[in-house]
PDB file of N, CA and C in Angstrom:
ATOM      1  N   MET A   1       0.830  -1.199  -0.004  1.00  0.00           N
ATOM      2  CA  MET A   1      -0.005  -0.040   0.007  1.00  0.00           C
ATOM      3  C   MET A   1       0.896   1.259   0.018  1.00  0.00           C
ATOM      4  N   LYS A   2       0.452   2.260  -0.754  1.00  0.00           N
ATOM      5  CA  LYS A   2       1.261   3.509  -0.810  1.00  0.00           C
ATOM      6  C   LYS A   2       0.250   4.646  -0.828  1.00  0.00           C
ATOM      7  N   VAL A   3       0.446   5.750  -0.064  1.00  0.00           N
ATOM      8  CA  VAL A   3      -0.333   6.968  -0.108  1.00  0.00           C
ATOM      9  C   VAL A   3       0.545   8.112  -0.456  1.00  0.00           C
ATOM     10  N   THR A   4       0.143   8.844  -1.432  1.00  0.00           N
ATOM     11  CA  THR A   4       0.867  10.085  -1.762  1.00  0.00           C
ATOM     12  C   THR A   4      -0.091  11.313  -1.534  1.00  0.00           C
ATOM     13  N   VAL A   5       0.541  12.373  -1.028  1.00  0.00           N
ATOM     14  CA  VAL A   5      -0.233  13.622  -0.771  1.00  0.00           C
ATOM     15  C   VAL A   5       0.579  14.692  -1.369  1.00  0.00           C
ATOM     16  N   GLU A   6      -0.024  15.495  -2.279  1.00  0.00           N
ATOM     17  CA  GLU A   6       0.606  16.648  -2.901  1.00  0.00           C
ATOM     18  C   GLU A   6      -0.426  17.796  -2.901  1.00  0.00           C
ATOM     19  N   GLY A   7      -0.165  18.769  -2.032  1.00  0.00           N
ATOM     20  CA  GLY A   7      -1.167  19.864  -1.823  1.00  0.00           C
ATOM     21  C   GLY A   7      -2.430  19.250  -1.260  1.00  0.00           C
ATOM     22  N   ALA A   8      -3.487  19.474  -1.992  1.00  0.00           N
ATOM     23  CA  ALA A   8      -4.846  18.968  -1.500  1.00  0.00           C
ATOM     24  C   ALA A   8      -5.191  17.614  -2.099  1.00  0.00           C
ATOM     25  N   ASN A   9      -4.351  17.151  -2.997  1.00  0.00           N
ATOM     26  CA  ASN A   9      -4.603  15.858  -3.686  1.00  0.00           C
ATOM     27  C   ASN A   9      -4.040  14.643  -2.927  1.00  0.00           C
ATOM     28  N   ILE A  10      -4.887  13.686  -2.690  1.00  0.00           N
ATOM     29  CA  ILE A  10      -4.508  12.458  -1.995  1.00  0.00           C
ATOM     30  C   ILE A  10      -4.725  11.277  -2.861  1.00  0.00           C
ATOM     31  N   GLN A  11      -3.711  10.415  -3.079  1.00  0.00           N
ATOM     32  CA  GLN A  11      -3.850   9.213  -3.937  1.00  0.00           C
ATOM     33  C   GLN A  11      -3.444   8.046  -3.111  1.00  0.00           C
ATOM     34  N   CYS A  12      -4.300   7.015  -3.090  1.00  0.00           N
ATOM     35  CA  CYS A  12      -4.057   5.767  -2.379  1.00  0.00           C
ATOM     36  C   CYS A  12      -3.887   4.612  -3.369  1.00  0.00           C
ATOM     37  N   PHE A  13      -2.798   3.845  -3.293  1.00  0.00           N
ATOM     38  CA  PHE A  13      -2.413   2.799  -4.185  1.00  0.00           C
ATOM     39  C   PHE A  13      -2.506   1.472  -3.385  1.00  0.00           C
ATOM     40  N   VAL A  14      -3.031   0.426  -3.921  1.00  0.00           N
ATOM     41  CA  VAL A  14      -3.012  -0.910  -3.294  1.00  0.00           C
ATOM     42  C   VAL A  14      -2.706  -1.902  -4.480  1.00  0.00           C
ATOM     43  N   ASP A  15      -1.660  -2.701  -4.280  1.00  0.00           N
ATOM     44  CA  ASP A  15      -1.235  -3.677  -5.259  1.00  0.00           C
ATOM     45  C   ASP A  15      -0.558  -3.010  -6.515  1.00  0.00           C
ATOM     46  N   ASN A  16      -1.416  -2.247  -7.276  1.00  0.00           N
ATOM     47  CA  ASN A  16      -0.881  -1.566  -8.478  1.00  0.00           C
ATOM     48  C   ASN A  16      -0.346  -0.182  -8.081  1.00  0.00           C
ATOM     49  N   MET A  17       0.927   0.001  -8.086  1.00  0.00           N
ATOM     50  CA  MET A  17       1.556   1.296  -7.618  1.00  0.00           C
ATOM     51  C   MET A  17       1.551   2.315  -8.753  1.00  0.00           C
ATOM     52  N   GLU A  18       1.026   2.059  -9.912  1.00  0.00           N
ATOM     53  CA  GLU A  18       0.957   2.994 -11.000  1.00  0.00           C
ATOM     54  C   GLU A  18      -0.397   3.730 -11.126  1.00  0.00           C
ATOM     55  N   LYS A  19      -1.461   2.964 -10.751  1.00  0.00           N
ATOM     56  CA  LYS A  19      -2.816   3.490 -10.875  1.00  0.00           C
ATOM     57  C   LYS A  19      -3.467   3.612  -9.479  1.00  0.00           C
ATOM     58  N   PRO A  20      -3.845   4.811  -9.069  1.00  0.00           N
ATOM     59  CA  PRO A  20      -4.400   4.899  -7.680  1.00  0.00           C
ATOM     60  C   PRO A  20      -5.729   4.252  -7.598  1.00  0.00           C
ATOM     61  N   LEU A  21      -6.038   3.598  -6.494  1.00  0.00           N
ATOM     62  CA  LEU A  21      -7.320   3.123  -6.181  1.00  0.00           C
ATOM     63  C   LEU A  21      -8.277   4.199  -5.795  1.00  0.00           C
ATOM     64  N   ILE A  22      -7.729   5.227  -5.051  1.00  0.00           N
ATOM     65  CA  ILE A  22      -8.437   6.437  -4.673  1.00  0.00           C
ATOM     66  C   ILE A  22      -7.650   7.575  -5.158  1.00  0.00           C
ATOM     67  N   ASP A  23      -8.291   8.631  -5.772  1.00  0.00           N
ATOM     68  CA  ASP A  23      -7.687   9.854  -6.168  1.00  0.00           C
ATOM     69  C   ASP A  23      -8.663  10.877  -5.774  1.00  0.00           C
ATOM     70  N   TYR A  24      -8.326  11.643  -4.725  1.00  0.00           N
ATOM     71  CA  TYR A  24      -9.272  12.633  -4.061  1.00  0.00           C
ATOM     72  C   TYR A  24      -8.544  13.959  -3.918  1.00  0.00           C
ATOM     73  N   THR A  25      -9.268  15.053  -4.250  1.00  0.00           N
ATOM     74  CA  THR A  25      -8.760  16.362  -3.965  1.00  0.00           C
ATOM     75  C   THR A  25      -9.663  16.972  -2.920  1.00  0.00           C
ATOM     76  N   ASP A  26      -9.076  17.252  -1.762  1.00  0.00           N
ATOM     77  CA  ASP A  26      -9.782  17.752  -0.626  1.00  0.00           C
ATOM     78  C   ASP A  26     -10.119  19.203  -0.736  1.00  0.00           C
ATOM     79  N   PRO A  27     -11.335  19.689  -0.688  1.00  0.00           N
ATOM     80  CA  PRO A  27     -11.628  21.124  -0.836  1.00  0.00           C
ATOM     81  C   PRO A  27     -11.147  21.916   0.310  1.00  0.00           C
ATOM     82  N   LYS A  28     -10.975  21.330   1.474  1.00  0.00           N
ATOM     83  CA  LYS A  28     -10.416  22.075   2.669  1.00  0.00           C
ATOM     84  C   LYS A  28      -9.275  21.309   3.291  1.00  0.00           C
ATOM     85  N   PRO A  29      -8.163  21.180   2.625  1.00  0.00           N
ATOM     86  CA  PRO A  29      -7.002  20.366   3.124  1.00  0.00           C
ATOM     87  C   PRO A  29      -6.404  20.901   4.385  1.00  0.00           C
ATOM     88  N   PHE A  30      -5.859  19.879   5.162  1.00  0.00           N
ATOM     89  CA  PHE A  30      -5.082  20.264   6.322  1.00  0.00           C
ATOM     90  C   PHE A  30      -3.694  20.723   5.779  1.00  0.00           C
ATOM     91  N   ILE A  31      -3.123  21.760   6.358  1.00  0.00           N
ATOM     92  CA  ILE A  31      -1.807  22.192   5.932  1.00  0.00           C
ATOM     93  C   ILE A  31      -0.765  21.721   6.918  1.00  0.00           C
ATOM     94  N   THR A  32      -1.151  21.287   8.082  1.00  0.00           N
ATOM     95  CA  THR A  32      -0.249  20.681   9.068  1.00  0.00           C
ATOM     96  C   THR A  32      -0.822  19.411   9.668  1.00  0.00           C
ATOM     97  N   GLY A  33      -0.041  18.595  10.327  1.00  0.00           N
ATOM     98  CA  GLY A  33      -0.589  17.384  10.976  1.00  0.00           C
ATOM     99  C   GLY A  33       0.442  16.301  10.952  1.00  0.00           C
ATOM    100  N   ARG A  34      -0.033  15.131  11.253  1.00  0.00           N
ATOM    101  CA  ARG A  34       0.779  13.905  11.336  1.00  0.00           C
ATOM    102  C   ARG A  34       0.153  12.789  10.474  1.00  0.00           C
ATOM    103  N   ALA A  35       1.028  11.918  10.139  1.00  0.00           N
ATOM    104  CA  ALA A  35       0.577  10.689   9.273  1.00  0.00           C
ATOM    105  C   ALA A  35       0.326   9.608  10.334  1.00  0.00           C
ATOM    106  N   GLY A  36      -0.660   8.769   9.967  1.00  0.00           N
ATOM    107  CA  GLY A  36      -1.031   7.702  10.810  1.00  0.00           C
ATOM    108  C   GLY A  36      -2.088   6.747  10.195  1.00  0.00           C
ATOM    109  N   PHE A  37      -2.474   5.713  10.927  1.00  0.00           N
ATOM    110  CA  PHE A  37      -3.528   4.802  10.511  1.00  0.00           C
ATOM    111  C   PHE A  37      -4.604   4.740  11.520  1.00  0.00           C
ATOM    112  N   ARG A  38      -5.799   4.496  11.088  1.00  0.00           N
ATOM    113  CA  ARG A  38      -6.926   4.289  12.000  1.00  0.00           C
ATOM    114  C   ARG A  38      -7.675   3.105  11.535  1.00  0.00           C
ATOM    115  N   THR A  39      -8.112   2.194  12.431  1.00  0.00           N
ATOM    116  CA  THR A  39      -8.854   1.008  12.121  1.00  0.00           C
ATOM    117  C   THR A  39     -10.199   1.099  12.856  1.00  0.00           C
ATOM    118  N   HIS A  40     -11.109   0.308  12.428  1.00  0.00           N
ATOM    119  CA  HIS A  40     -12.421   0.246  13.022  1.00  0.00           C
ATOM    120  C   HIS A  40     -12.912  -1.218  13.127  1.00  0.00           C
ATOM    121  N   SER A  41     -13.255  -1.656  14.360  1.00  0.00           N
ATOM    122  CA  SER A  41     -13.840  -2.960  14.650  1.00  0.00           C
ATOM    123  C   SER A  41     -12.933  -4.112  14.070  1.00  0.00           C
ATOM    124  N   SER A  42     -11.664  -3.913  14.231  1.00  0.00           N
ATOM    125  CA  SER A  42     -10.729  -4.997  13.749  1.00  0.00           C
ATOM    126  C   SER A  42      -9.375  -4.842  14.519  1.00  0.00           C
ATOM    127  N   VAL A  43      -8.692  -6.003  14.571  1.00  0.00           N
ATOM    128  CA  VAL A  43      -7.372  -5.991  15.148  1.00  0.00           C
ATOM    129  C   VAL A  43      -6.367  -5.943  13.920  1.00  0.00           C
ATOM    130  N   ILE A  44      -5.556  -4.950  13.888  1.00  0.00           N
ATOM    131  CA  ILE A  44      -4.636  -4.740  12.773  1.00  0.00           C
ATOM    132  C   ILE A  44      -3.237  -4.484  13.282  1.00  0.00           C
ATOM    133  N   ARG A  45      -2.255  -4.957  12.595  1.00  0.00           N
ATOM    134  CA  ARG A  45      -0.832  -4.580  12.893  1.00  0.00           C
ATOM    135  C   ARG A  45      -0.199  -4.048  11.670  1.00  0.00           C
ATOM    136  N   PHE A  46       0.491  -2.915  11.851  1.00  0.00           N
ATOM    137  CA  PHE A  46       1.146  -2.232  10.721  1.00  0.00           C
ATOM    138  C   PHE A  46       2.637  -2.302  11.001  1.00  0.00           C
ATOM    139  N   ASP A  47       3.455  -2.557  10.014  1.00  0.00           N
ATOM    140  CA  ASP A  47       4.897  -2.379  10.183  1.00  0.00           C
ATOM    141  C   ASP A  47       5.458  -1.726   8.909  1.00  0.00           C
ATOM    142  N   ASN A  48       6.684  -1.304   8.998  1.00  0.00           N
ATOM    143  CA  ASN A  48       7.348  -0.633   7.867  1.00  0.00           C
ATOM    144  C   ASN A  48       6.659   0.633   7.411  1.00  0.00           C
ATOM    145  N   PHE A  49       6.090   1.403   8.421  1.00  0.00           N
ATOM    146  CA  PHE A  49       5.393   2.650   8.099  1.00  0.00           C
ATOM    147  C   PHE A  49       6.467   3.738   7.946  1.00  0.00           C
ATOM    148  N   VAL A  50       6.546   4.314   6.794  1.00  0.00           N
ATOM    149  CA  VAL A  50       7.618   5.354   6.587  1.00  0.00           C
ATOM    150  C   VAL A  50       6.880   6.512   5.943  1.00  0.00           C
ATOM    151  N   VAL A  51       7.297   7.806   6.407  1.00  0.00           N
ATOM    152  CA  VAL A  51       6.906   9.000   5.804  1.00  0.00           C
ATOM    153  C   VAL A  51       8.071   9.622   5.114  1.00  0.00           C
ATOM    154  N   THR A  52       8.038   9.853   3.820  1.00  0.00           N
ATOM    155  CA  THR A  52       9.077  10.475   3.123  1.00  0.00           C
ATOM    156  C   THR A  52       8.631  11.684   2.253  1.00  0.00           C
ATOM    157  N   PRO A  53       9.453  12.761   2.243  1.00  0.00           N
ATOM    158  CA  PRO A  53       9.049  13.883   1.456  1.00  0.00           C
ATOM    159  C   PRO A  53       9.229  13.618  -0.058  1.00  0.00           C
ATOM    160  N   LYS A  54       8.243  14.156  -0.794  1.00  0.00           N
ATOM    161  CA  LYS A  54       8.384  13.919  -2.223  1.00  0.00           C
ATOM    162  C   LYS A  54       9.546  14.783  -2.796  1.00  0.00           C
ATOM    163  N   ALA A  55       9.738  15.996  -2.309  1.00  0.00           N
ATOM    164  CA  ALA A  55      10.740  16.870  -2.802  1.00  0.00           C
ATOM    165  C   ALA A  55      11.391  17.554  -1.599  1.00  0.00           C
ATOM    166  N   LYS A  56      12.671  17.826  -1.621  1.00  0.00           N
ATOM    167  CA  LYS A  56      13.274  18.584  -0.551  1.00  0.00           C
ATOM    168  C   LYS A  56      13.063  20.041  -0.726  1.00  0.00           C
ATOM    169  N   ASP A  57      12.280  20.624   0.193  1.00  0.00           N
ATOM    170  CA  ASP A  57      12.095  22.029   0.180  1.00  0.00           C
ATOM    171  C   ASP A  57      11.772  22.546   1.528  1.00  0.00           C
ATOM    172  N   ALA A  58      11.444  23.719   1.768  1.00  0.00           N
ATOM    173  CA  ALA A  58      11.164  24.258   3.121  1.00  0.00           C
ATOM    174  C   ALA A  58      10.004  23.592   3.805  1.00  0.00           C
ATOM    175  N   SER A  59       9.072  22.995   3.104  1.00  0.00           N
ATOM    176  CA  SER A  59       7.878  22.319   3.688  1.00  0.00           C
ATOM    177  C   SER A  59       8.038  20.876   3.713  1.00  0.00           C
ATOM    178  N   ALA A  60       9.168  20.348   3.395  1.00  0.00           N
ATOM    179  CA  ALA A  60       9.352  18.858   3.363  1.00  0.00           C
ATOM    180  C   ALA A  60       9.409  18.354   4.824  1.00  0.00           C
ATOM    181  N   VAL A  61       9.092  17.076   4.920  1.00  0.00           N
ATOM    182  CA  VAL A  61       9.150  16.384   6.193  1.00  0.00           C
ATOM    183  C   VAL A  61      10.649  16.157   6.533  1.00  0.00           C
ATOM    184  N   ALA A  62      11.045  16.567   7.687  1.00  0.00           N
ATOM    185  CA  ALA A  62      12.453  16.376   8.133  1.00  0.00           C
ATOM    186  C   ALA A  62      12.465  15.241   9.167  1.00  0.00           C
ATOM    187  N   PRO A  63      13.259  14.218   8.923  1.00  0.00           N
ATOM    188  CA  PRO A  63      13.290  13.131   9.979  1.00  0.00           C
ATOM    189  C   PRO A  63      13.950  13.622  11.190  1.00  0.00           C
ATOM    190  N   LEU A  64      13.527  13.081  12.370  1.00  0.00           N
ATOM    191  CA  LEU A  64      14.102  13.428  13.641  1.00  0.00           C
ATOM    192  C   LEU A  64      15.460  12.850  13.699  1.00  0.00           C
ATOM    193  N   SER A  65      16.386  13.563  14.363  1.00  0.00           N
ATOM    194  CA  SER A  65      17.724  13.045  14.532  1.00  0.00           C
ATOM    195  C   SER A  65      17.954  12.973  16.075  1.00  0.00           C
ATOM    196  N   PHE A  66      18.680  11.940  16.451  1.00  0.00           N
ATOM    197  CA  PHE A  66      18.873  11.722  17.966  1.00  0.00           C
ATOM    198  C   PHE A  66      20.390  11.591  18.160  1.00  0.00           C
ATOM    199  N   PRO A  67      20.833  12.287  19.234  1.00  0.00           N
ATOM    200  CA  PRO A  67      22.248  12.232  19.516  1.00  0.00           C
ATOM    201  C   PRO A  67      22.644  10.814  19.990  1.00  0.00           C
ATOM    202  N   GLU A  68      23.894  10.464  19.685  1.00  0.00           N
ATOM    203  CA  GLU A  68      24.404   9.095  20.201  1.00  0.00           C
ATOM    204  C   GLU A  68      24.594   9.281  21.713  1.00  0.00           C
ATOM    205  N   ALA A  69      24.297   8.171  22.418  1.00  0.00           N
ATOM    206  CA  ALA A  69      24.404   8.345  23.858  1.00  0.00           C
ATOM    207  C   ALA A  69      24.933   6.978  24.428  1.00  0.00           C
ATOM    208  N   THR A  70      25.677   7.040  25.453  1.00  0.00           N
ATOM    209  CA  THR A  70      26.179   5.767  26.076  1.00  0.00           C
ATOM    210  C   THR A  70      25.089   5.184  26.988  1.00  0.00           C
ATOM    211  N   THR A  71      24.301   6.071  27.613  1.00  0.00           N
ATOM    212  CA  THR A  71      23.128   5.565  28.446  1.00  0.00           C
ATOM    213  C   THR A  71      21.921   5.642  27.558  1.00  0.00           C
ATOM    214  N   PRO A  72      21.030   4.734  27.705  1.00  0.00           N
ATOM    215  CA  PRO A  72      19.771   4.824  26.863  1.00  0.00           C
ATOM    216  C   PRO A  72      19.011   6.163  26.998  1.00  0.00           C
ATOM    217  N   ARG A  73      18.672   6.753  25.920  1.00  0.00           N
ATOM    218  CA  ARG A  73      17.892   7.910  25.939  1.00  0.00           C
ATOM    219  C   ARG A  73      16.481   7.552  25.315  1.00  0.00           C
ATOM    220  N   ILE A  74      15.382   7.967  25.941  1.00  0.00           N
ATOM    221  CA  ILE A  74      14.102   7.631  25.439  1.00  0.00           C
ATOM    222  C   ILE A  74      13.374   8.846  25.072  1.00  0.00           C
ATOM    223  N   TYR A  75      12.792   8.777  23.794  1.00  0.00           N
ATOM    224  CA  TYR A  75      12.044   9.996  23.268  1.00  0.00           C
ATOM    225  C   TYR A  75      10.658   9.577  22.989  1.00  0.00           C
ATOM    226  N   ASN A  76       9.636  10.545  23.101  1.00  0.00           N
ATOM    227  CA  ASN A  76       8.360  10.207  22.658  1.00  0.00           C
ATOM    228  C   ASN A  76       8.274  10.341  21.112  1.00  0.00           C
ATOM    229  N   MET A  77       7.094  10.205  20.535  1.00  0.00           N
ATOM    230  CA  MET A  77       6.952  10.098  19.050  1.00  0.00           C
ATOM    231  C   MET A  77       7.129  11.524  18.463  1.00  0.00           C
ATOM    232  N   GLN A  78       7.134  12.588  19.313  1.00  0.00           N
ATOM    233  CA  GLN A  78       7.343  13.908  18.783  1.00  0.00           C
ATOM    234  C   GLN A  78       8.918  14.269  18.872  1.00  0.00           C
ATOM    235  N   GLY A  79       9.669  13.281  19.366  1.00  0.00           N
ATOM    236  CA  GLY A  79      11.089  13.560  19.446  1.00  0.00           C
ATOM    237  C   GLY A  79      11.529  14.213  20.714  1.00  0.00           C
ATOM    238  N   LEU A  80      10.617  14.382  21.666  1.00  0.00           N
ATOM    239  CA  LEU A  80      10.976  15.085  22.957  1.00  0.00           C
ATOM    240  C   LEU A  80      11.535  14.019  23.908  1.00  0.00           C
ATOM    241  N   PRO A  81      12.649  14.346  24.697  1.00  0.00           N
ATOM    242  CA  PRO A  81      13.194  13.385  25.584  1.00  0.00           C
ATOM    243  C   PRO A  81      12.283  13.102  26.715  1.00  0.00           C
ATOM    244  N   MET A  82      12.224  11.879  27.175  1.00  0.00           N
ATOM    245  CA  MET A  82      11.390  11.449  28.321  1.00  0.00           C
ATOM    246  C   MET A  82      12.290  11.481  29.581  1.00  0.00           C
ATOM    247  N   PRO A  83      11.763  11.688  30.781  1.00  0.00           N
ATOM    248  CA  PRO A  83      12.500  11.737  31.984  1.00  0.00           C
ATOM    249  C   PRO A  83      13.164  10.340  32.230  1.00  0.00           C
ATOM    250  N   ILE A  84      14.431  10.356  32.632  1.00  0.00           N
ATOM    251  CA  ILE A  84      15.185   9.060  32.950  1.00  0.00           C
ATOM    252  C   ILE A  84      14.811   8.723  34.304  1.00  0.00           C
ATOM    253  N   GLY A  85      14.584   7.340  34.603  1.00  0.00           N
ATOM    254  CA  GLY A  85      14.345   6.870  35.848  1.00  0.00           C
ATOM    255  C   GLY A  85      12.911   6.904  36.327  1.00  0.00           C
ATOM    256  N   LYS A  86      12.014   7.400  35.461  1.00  0.00           N
ATOM    257  CA  LYS A  86      10.608   7.483  35.875  1.00  0.00           C
ATOM    258  C   LYS A  86       9.863   6.468  35.096  1.00  0.00           C
ATOM    259  N   PRO A  87       8.792   5.820  35.585  1.00  0.00           N
ATOM    260  CA  PRO A  87       7.960   4.854  34.853  1.00  0.00           C
ATOM    261  C   PRO A  87       7.341   5.600  33.676  1.00  0.00           C
ATOM    262  N   LEU A  88       7.271   4.890  32.464  1.00  0.00           N
ATOM    263  CA  LEU A  88       6.656   5.456  31.304  1.00  0.00           C
ATOM    264  C   LEU A  88       5.279   4.859  31.100  1.00  0.00           C
ATOM    265  N   PRO A  89       4.371   5.703  30.664  1.00  0.00           N
ATOM    266  CA  PRO A  89       3.062   5.185  30.331  1.00  0.00           C
ATOM    267  C   PRO A  89       3.133   4.205  29.046  1.00  0.00           C
ATOM    268  N   HIS A  90       2.187   3.245  28.926  1.00  0.00           N
ATOM    269  CA  HIS A  90       2.263   2.357  27.821  1.00  0.00           C
ATOM    270  C   HIS A  90       2.196   3.226  26.535  1.00  0.00           C
ATOM    271  N   GLY A  91       2.979   2.846  25.530  1.00  0.00           N
ATOM    272  CA  GLY A  91       2.974   3.601  24.275  1.00  0.00           C
ATOM    273  C   GLY A  91       4.214   3.214  23.522  1.00  0.00           C
ATOM    274  N   ILE A  92       4.422   3.994  22.384  1.00  0.00           N
ATOM    275  CA  ILE A  92       5.562   3.798  21.483  1.00  0.00           C
ATOM    276  C   ILE A  92       6.627   4.851  21.740  1.00  0.00           C
ATOM    277  N   TYR A  93       7.838   4.472  21.961  1.00  0.00           N
ATOM    278  CA  TYR A  93       8.907   5.379  22.215  1.00  0.00           C
ATOM    279  C   TYR A  93      10.104   5.101  21.293  1.00  0.00           C
ATOM    280  N   ILE A  94      11.024   5.999  21.185  1.00  0.00           N
ATOM    281  CA  ILE A  94      12.255   5.849  20.372  1.00  0.00           C
ATOM    282  C   ILE A  94      13.430   5.751  21.402  1.00  0.00           C
ATOM    283  N   VAL A  95      14.102   4.663  21.373  1.00  0.00           N
ATOM    284  CA  VAL A  95      15.259   4.460  22.318  1.00  0.00           C
ATOM    285  C   VAL A  95      16.534   4.523  21.468  1.00  0.00           C
ATOM    286  N   ASN A  96      17.276   5.581  21.694  1.00  0.00           N
ATOM    287  CA  ASN A  96      18.588   5.777  20.952  1.00  0.00           C
ATOM    288  C   ASN A  96      18.397   5.510  19.365  1.00  0.00           C
ATOM    289  N   GLY A  97      17.308   6.014  18.824  1.00  0.00           N
ATOM    290  CA  GLY A  97      17.046   5.901  17.392  1.00  0.00           C
ATOM    291  C   GLY A  97      16.291   4.739  16.982  1.00  0.00           C
ATOM    292  N   LYS A  98      15.930   3.812  17.786  1.00  0.00           N
ATOM    293  CA  LYS A  98      15.117   2.608  17.478  1.00  0.00           C
ATOM    294  C   LYS A  98      13.825   2.658  18.166  1.00  0.00           C
ATOM    295  N   LYS A  99      12.817   2.353  17.318  1.00  0.00           N
ATOM    296  CA  LYS A  99      11.411   2.480  17.838  1.00  0.00           C
ATOM    297  C   LYS A  99      11.061   1.190  18.688  1.00  0.00           C
ATOM    298  N   MET A 100      10.552   1.420  19.892  1.00  0.00           N
ATOM    299  CA  MET A 100      10.174   0.317  20.774  1.00  0.00           C
ATOM    300  C   MET A 100       8.822   0.613  21.441  1.00  0.00           C
ATOM    301  N   ALA A 101       8.061  -0.445  21.739  1.00  0.00           N
ATOM    302  CA  ALA A 101       6.802  -0.320  22.425  1.00  0.00           C
ATOM    303  C   ALA A 101       6.954  -0.688  23.903  1.00  0.00           C
ATOM    304  N   TYR A 102       6.406   0.005  24.787  1.00  0.00           N
ATOM    305  CA  TYR A 102       6.415  -0.347  26.210  1.00  0.00           C
ATOM    306  C   TYR A 102       5.005  -0.581  26.716  1.00  0.00           C
TER     307      TYR A 102
END
């Protein structure tokens, strides 16, 4: 599956990556936000979820960078460091650049 977004146009591809299954232009598009999945009445597991900018410019998605550390550093999904030594709520975190679930 692949989804491309360019301006207000959203294209969804499944199996055939040349011809979109859905080609929609949103009359009131979001100009900021996050990428994600939502499911309804089902148990689903996603892996290999990647967000990549189509072109490098001022509005492109910039990947988070994390400093190398000798002690484990834990970051939330916004890239903000979590307090060391305190219990974490269940969720997905990035530990020294690797995504892990707690």
